[in-house]
C-alpha atoms as a PDB file:
ATOM      1  CA  MET A   1     105.699  72.456  45.990  1.00  0.00           C
ATOM      2  CA  THR A   2     102.786  73.631  43.832  1.00  0.00           C
ATOM      3  CA  GLU A   3      99.343  72.415  44.821  1.00  0.00           C
ATOM      4  CA  SER A   4      97.236  71.007  41.995  1.00  0.00           C
ATOM      5  CA  ILE A   5      93.900  72.819  41.790  1.00  0.00           C
ATOM      6  CA  GLU A   6      91.083  71.600  39.556  1.00  0.00           C
ATOM      7  CA  LEU A   7      90.153  73.982  36.741  1.00  0.00           C
ATOM      8  CA  LEU A   8      86.391  74.345  36.327  1.00  0.00           C
ATOM      9  CA  GLY A   9      84.608  75.470  33.178  1.00  0.00           C
ATOM     10  CA  LEU A  10      86.343  73.142  30.751  1.00  0.00           C
ATOM     11  CA  GLY A  11      84.277  71.492  28.038  1.00  0.00           C
ATOM     12  CA  LEU A  12      83.104  67.947  27.636  1.00  0.00           C
ATOM     13  CA  ASN A  13      85.338  65.442  25.869  1.00  0.00           C
ATOM     14  CA  PHE A  14      84.110  62.975  23.271  1.00  0.00           C
ATOM     15  CA  GLU A  15      83.893  60.255  25.928  1.00  0.00           C
ATOM     16  CA  ASP A  16      81.497  62.461  27.915  1.00  0.00           C
ATOM     17  CA  LEU A  17      79.032  62.635  25.003  1.00  0.00           C
ATOM     18  CA  PRO A  18      77.675  59.118  24.377  1.00  0.00           C
ATOM     19  CA  LEU A  19      74.709  58.546  22.101  1.00  0.00           C
ATOM     20  CA  GLY A  20      71.499  59.467  23.918  1.00  0.00           C
ATOM     21  CA  ARG A  21      73.009  61.779  26.554  1.00  0.00           C
ATOM     22  CA  LYS A  22      70.690  64.698  27.338  1.00  0.00           C
ATOM     23  CA  PHE A  23      71.262  67.926  29.246  1.00  0.00           C
ATOM     24  CA  ARG A  24      70.061  71.508  29.391  1.00  0.00           C
ATOM     25  CA  THR A  25      71.748  74.856  29.811  1.00  0.00           C
ATOM     26  CA  VAL A  26      70.996  77.686  32.171  1.00  0.00           C
ATOM     27  CA  GLY A  27      68.680  80.383  30.860  1.00  0.00           C
ATOM     28  CA  ARG A  28      69.333  83.804  29.394  1.00  0.00           C
ATOM     29  CA  THR A  29      66.843  86.608  28.841  1.00  0.00           C
ATOM     30  CA  ILE A  30      66.874  88.436  25.505  1.00  0.00           C
ATOM     31  CA  GLN A  31      67.176  92.155  26.228  1.00  0.00           C
ATOM     32  CA  ASP A  32      66.138  94.920  23.852  1.00  0.00           C
ATOM     33  CA  ALA A  33      69.783  96.020  23.975  1.00  0.00           C
ATOM     34  CA  ASP A  34      70.826  92.551  22.703  1.00  0.00           C
ATOM     35  CA  ILE A  35      68.569  92.939  19.666  1.00  0.00           C
ATOM     36  CA  CYS A  36      69.795  96.484  18.956  1.00  0.00           C
ATOM     37  CA  ALA A  37      73.461  95.530  19.279  1.00  0.00           C
ATOM     38  CA  PHE A  38      73.066  92.419  17.135  1.00  0.00           C
ATOM     39  CA  ILE A  39      71.250  94.117  14.259  1.00  0.00           C
ATOM     40  CA  ASN A  40      73.795  96.950  14.315  1.00  0.00           C
ATOM     41  CA  VAL A  41      76.820  94.632  14.338  1.00  0.00           C
ATOM     42  CA  ILE A  42      75.615  92.597  11.366  1.00  0.00           C
ATOM     43  CA  HIS A  43      73.914  95.555   9.674  1.00  0.00           C
ATOM     44  CA  MET A  44      70.525  93.816   9.536  1.00  0.00           C
ATOM     45  CA  THR A  45      68.426  96.772   8.429  1.00  0.00           C
ATOM     46  CA  GLU A  46      65.209  94.762   7.986  1.00  0.00           C
ATOM     47  CA  VAL A  47      62.313  96.982   9.094  1.00  0.00           C
ATOM     48  CA  LEU A  48      60.915  94.123  11.183  1.00  0.00           C
ATOM     49  CA  PHE A  49      63.839  94.763  13.546  1.00  0.00           C
ATOM     50  CA  THR A  50      64.419  98.510  13.091  1.00  0.00           C
ATOM     51  CA  ASP A  51      61.013 100.175  12.635  1.00  0.00           C
ATOM     52  CA  MET A  52      58.502  99.623  15.448  1.00  0.00           C
ATOM     53  CA  GLU A  53      55.863 101.709  13.613  1.00  0.00           C
ATOM     54  CA  PHE A  54      56.062  99.223  10.718  1.00  0.00           C
ATOM     55  CA  VAL A  55      55.755  96.361  13.213  1.00  0.00           C
ATOM     56  CA  LYS A  56      52.637  97.942  14.772  1.00  0.00           C
ATOM     57  CA  SER A  57      50.907  98.732  11.482  1.00  0.00           C
ATOM     58  CA  SER A  58      52.035  96.148   8.935  1.00  0.00           C
ATOM     59  CA  SER A  59      53.786  93.133  10.440  1.00  0.00           C
ATOM     60  CA  ASP A  60      52.155  89.789  11.174  1.00  0.00           C
ATOM     61  CA  ILE A  61      54.539  89.507  14.139  1.00  0.00           C
ATOM     62  CA  LYS A  62      53.717  92.039  16.847  1.00  0.00           C
ATOM     63  CA  GLY A  63      56.257  93.056  19.468  1.00  0.00           C
ATOM     64  CA  ARG A  64      60.031  93.452  19.690  1.00  0.00           C
ATOM     65  CA  VAL A  65      61.029  90.327  17.804  1.00  0.00           C
ATOM     66  CA  ALA A  66      64.561  88.948  17.913  1.00  0.00           C
ATOM     67  CA  PRO A  67      66.212  87.777  14.681  1.00  0.00           C
ATOM     68  CA  GLY A  68      66.393  83.986  14.446  1.00  0.00           C
ATOM     69  CA  SER A  69      70.129  84.312  13.892  1.00  0.00           C
ATOM     70  CA  LEU A  70      70.417  86.096  17.258  1.00  0.00           C
ATOM     71  CA  VAL A  71      68.494  83.282  18.964  1.00  0.00           C
ATOM     72  CA  TYR A  72      70.870  80.745  17.385  1.00  0.00           C
ATOM     73  CA  CYS A  73      73.923  82.740  18.489  1.00  0.00           C
ATOM     74  CA  MET A  74      72.613  83.039  22.045  1.00  0.00           C
ATOM     75  CA  ALA A  75      71.996  79.282  22.133  1.00  0.00           C
ATOM     76  CA  GLU A  76      75.562  78.633  20.971  1.00  0.00           C
ATOM     77  CA  GLY A  77      76.834  80.984  23.671  1.00  0.00           C
ATOM     78  CA  LEU A  78      74.936  79.051  26.337  1.00  0.00           C
ATOM     79  CA  LEU A  79      76.346  75.757  25.035  1.00  0.00           C
ATOM     80  CA  VAL A  80      79.933  76.948  24.597  1.00  0.00           C
ATOM     81  CA  GLN A  81      80.278  78.043  28.200  1.00  0.00           C
ATOM     82  CA  ALA A  82      78.908  74.709  29.423  1.00  0.00           C
ATOM     83  CA  THR A  83      80.321  72.126  27.022  1.00  0.00           C
ATOM     84  CA  MET A  84      83.014  73.198  24.554  1.00  0.00           C
ATOM     85  CA  GLN A  85      85.778  75.172  26.288  1.00  0.00           C
ATOM     86  CA  HIS A  86      89.118  73.615  25.212  1.00  0.00           C
ATOM     87  CA  THR A  87      87.403  70.527  23.712  1.00  0.00           C
ATOM     88  CA  GLY A  88      85.299  71.764  20.790  1.00  0.00           C
ATOM     89  CA  LEU A  89      87.617  71.754  17.783  1.00  0.00           C
ATOM     90  CA  ALA A  90      85.476  72.380  14.698  1.00  0.00           C
ATOM     91  CA  PHE A  91      81.914  73.163  13.664  1.00  0.00           C
ATOM     92  CA  LEU A  92      81.309  71.047  10.554  1.00  0.00           C
ATOM     93  CA  ASN A  93      77.647  71.081   9.556  1.00  0.00           C
ATOM     94  CA  MET A  94      74.159  72.053  10.704  1.00  0.00           C
ATOM     95  CA  GLU A  95      70.462  72.012   9.874  1.00  0.00           C
ATOM     96  CA  LEU A  96      68.357  74.742  11.498  1.00  0.00           C
ATOM     97  CA  ASP A  97      64.594  75.286  11.796  1.00  0.00           C
ATOM     98  CA  ILE A  98      62.976  78.373  13.289  1.00  0.00           C
ATOM     99  CA  GLU A  99      59.772  77.176  14.953  1.00  0.00           C
ATOM    100  CA  ARG A 100      58.352  80.447  16.357  1.00  0.00           C
ATOM    101  CA  PRO A 101      59.496  83.984  17.042  1.00  0.00           C
ATOM    102  CA  ALA A 102      61.401  84.985  20.152  1.00  0.00           C
ATOM    103  CA  PHE A 103      60.937  88.420  21.666  1.00  0.00           C
ATOM    104  CA  ALA A 104      62.714  90.860  23.936  1.00  0.00           C
ATOM    105  CA  GLY A 105      61.944  89.667  27.453  1.00  0.00           C
ATOM    106  CA  ASP A 106      61.900  85.965  26.548  1.00  0.00           C
ATOM    107  CA  THR A 107      64.206  83.773  28.612  1.00  0.00           C
ATOM    108  CA  LEU A 108      65.783  81.011  26.541  1.00  0.00           C
ATOM    109  CA  HIS A 109      67.556  77.798  27.443  1.00  0.00           C
ATOM    110  CA  VAL A 110      68.846  74.927  25.302  1.00  0.00           C
ATOM    111  CA  GLU A 111      67.958  71.267  25.637  1.00  0.00           C
ATOM    112  CA  CYS A 112      70.629  69.145  23.999  1.00  0.00           C
ATOM    113  CA  GLU A 113      70.579  65.454  23.022  1.00  0.00           C
ATOM    114  CA  VAL A 114      73.480  63.533  21.469  1.00  0.00           C
ATOM    115  CA  ILE A 115      72.057  61.884  18.328  1.00  0.00           C
ATOM    116  CA  GLU A 116      75.345  60.778  16.703  1.00  0.00           C
ATOM    117  CA  ALA A 117      78.736  59.993  18.229  1.00  0.00           C
ATOM    118  CA  ARG A 118      81.595  58.312  16.386  1.00  0.00           C
ATOM    119  CA  LEU A 119      85.344  58.420  16.271  1.00  0.00           C
ATOM    120  CA  SER A 120      86.927  60.273  13.390  1.00  0.00           C
ATOM    121  CA  LYS A 121      88.497  57.966  10.811  1.00  0.00           C
ATOM    122  CA  SER A 122      90.846  60.657   9.506  1.00  0.00           C
ATOM    123  CA  ARG A 123      91.756  62.431  12.777  1.00  0.00           C
ATOM    124  CA  PRO A 124      92.997  60.131  15.575  1.00  0.00           C
ATOM    125  CA  GLY A 125      92.086  61.330  19.035  1.00  0.00           C
ATOM    126  CA  ARG A 126      89.030  63.162  17.711  1.00  0.00           C
ATOM    127  CA  GLY A 127      85.334  62.312  17.723  1.00  0.00           C
ATOM    128  CA  LEU A 128      82.402  63.561  15.702  1.00  0.00           C
ATOM    129  CA  VAL A 129      79.304  64.444  17.688  1.00  0.00           C
ATOM    130  CA  ARG A 130      75.948  65.595  16.366  1.00  0.00           C
ATOM    131  CA  THR A 131      73.399  66.964  18.800  1.00  0.00           C
ATOM    132  CA  ARG A 132      69.765  67.970  18.506  1.00  0.00           C
ATOM    133  CA  ASN A 133      69.559  71.351  20.193  1.00  0.00           C
ATOM    134  CA  ARG A 134      66.115  72.649  21.035  1.00  0.00           C
ATOM    135  CA  VAL A 135      65.933  76.283  22.138  1.00  0.00           C
ATOM    136  CA  LEU A 136      62.952  76.840  24.429  1.00  0.00           C
ATOM    137  CA  ASN A 137      61.420  79.978  25.876  1.00  0.00           C
ATOM    138  CA  GLN A 138      60.164  80.477  29.429  1.00  0.00           C
ATOM    139  CA  LYS A 139      56.772  79.000  28.446  1.00  0.00           C
ATOM    140  CA  GLY A 140      58.407  75.741  27.345  1.00  0.00           C
ATOM    141  CA  GLU A 141      57.734  76.492  23.661  1.00  0.00           C
ATOM    142  CA  VAL A 142      60.362  75.427  21.142  1.00  0.00           C
ATOM    143  CA  VAL A 143      61.648  78.535  19.389  1.00  0.00           C
ATOM    144  CA  LEU A 144      64.426  77.031  17.285  1.00  0.00           C
ATOM    145  CA  THR A 145      65.884  73.553  16.614  1.00  0.00           C
ATOM    146  CA  TYR A 146      69.286  72.838  15.131  1.00  0.00           C
ATOM    147  CA  THR A 147      71.541  69.813  14.711  1.00  0.00           C
ATOM    148  CA  PRO A 148      75.228  70.745  14.636  1.00  0.00           C
ATOM    149  CA  LEU A 149      77.989  68.254  13.837  1.00  0.00           C
ATOM    150  CA  ARG A 150      81.167  69.092  15.729  1.00  0.00           C
ATOM    151  CA  MET A 151      84.638  67.654  16.039  1.00  0.00           C
ATOM    152  CA  ILE A 152      85.369  67.091  19.723  1.00  0.00           C
ATOM    153  CA  LYS A 153      88.675  66.256  21.399  1.00  0.00           C
ATOM    154  CA  CYS A 154      89.016  62.832  22.999  1.00  0.00           C
ATOM    155  CA  ARG A 155      90.264  62.783  26.581  1.00  0.00           C
ATOM    156  CA  ASP A 156      94.071  62.903  26.571  1.00  0.00           C
ATOM    157  CA  GLY A 157      93.945  62.544  22.764  1.00  0.00           C
ATOM    158  CA  ALA A 158      93.005  58.887  23.164  1.00  0.00           C
ATOM    159  CA  ALA A 159      90.207  57.128  21.321  1.00  0.00           C
ATOM    160  CA  ARG A 160      88.528  55.215  24.137  1.00  0.00           C
ATOM    161  CA  HIS A 161      84.853  55.601  23.297  1.00  0.00           C
ATOM    162  CA  GLY A 162      82.822  52.421  23.057  1.00  0.00           C
END
């Protein structure tokens, strides 16, 4: 006889994301190595990220700044591990605003609020959820805000959200 053991780390279903629900992720510190790897992978040769002498002498932003796209990707990574494993089905739309720079050494976390939740009319057993995701640094300053719309699996494929 096989014992049933609960699997942890699975994502939230549509029913777990009612309008108004709020939560936050754990934090993650941006390392200089993260910035270097990211700009090399996407070939972002902007001198703001590759030439520290330019940054010292000519940039309005001083310090080892992280690309906004890296901050967004790190935020998504924090959210995926906490909310979307096996349940997030599609990323459909997003608005994004960069509020202030993030730097190597900053520790980021995401505060998430469900601002739209409705069942899909065309895909039974699926819900559409839009969240307002605020990425904050260790000082509590908002670095980036974005509002993704995602298709999320309903529990057991059923549409039981009220």
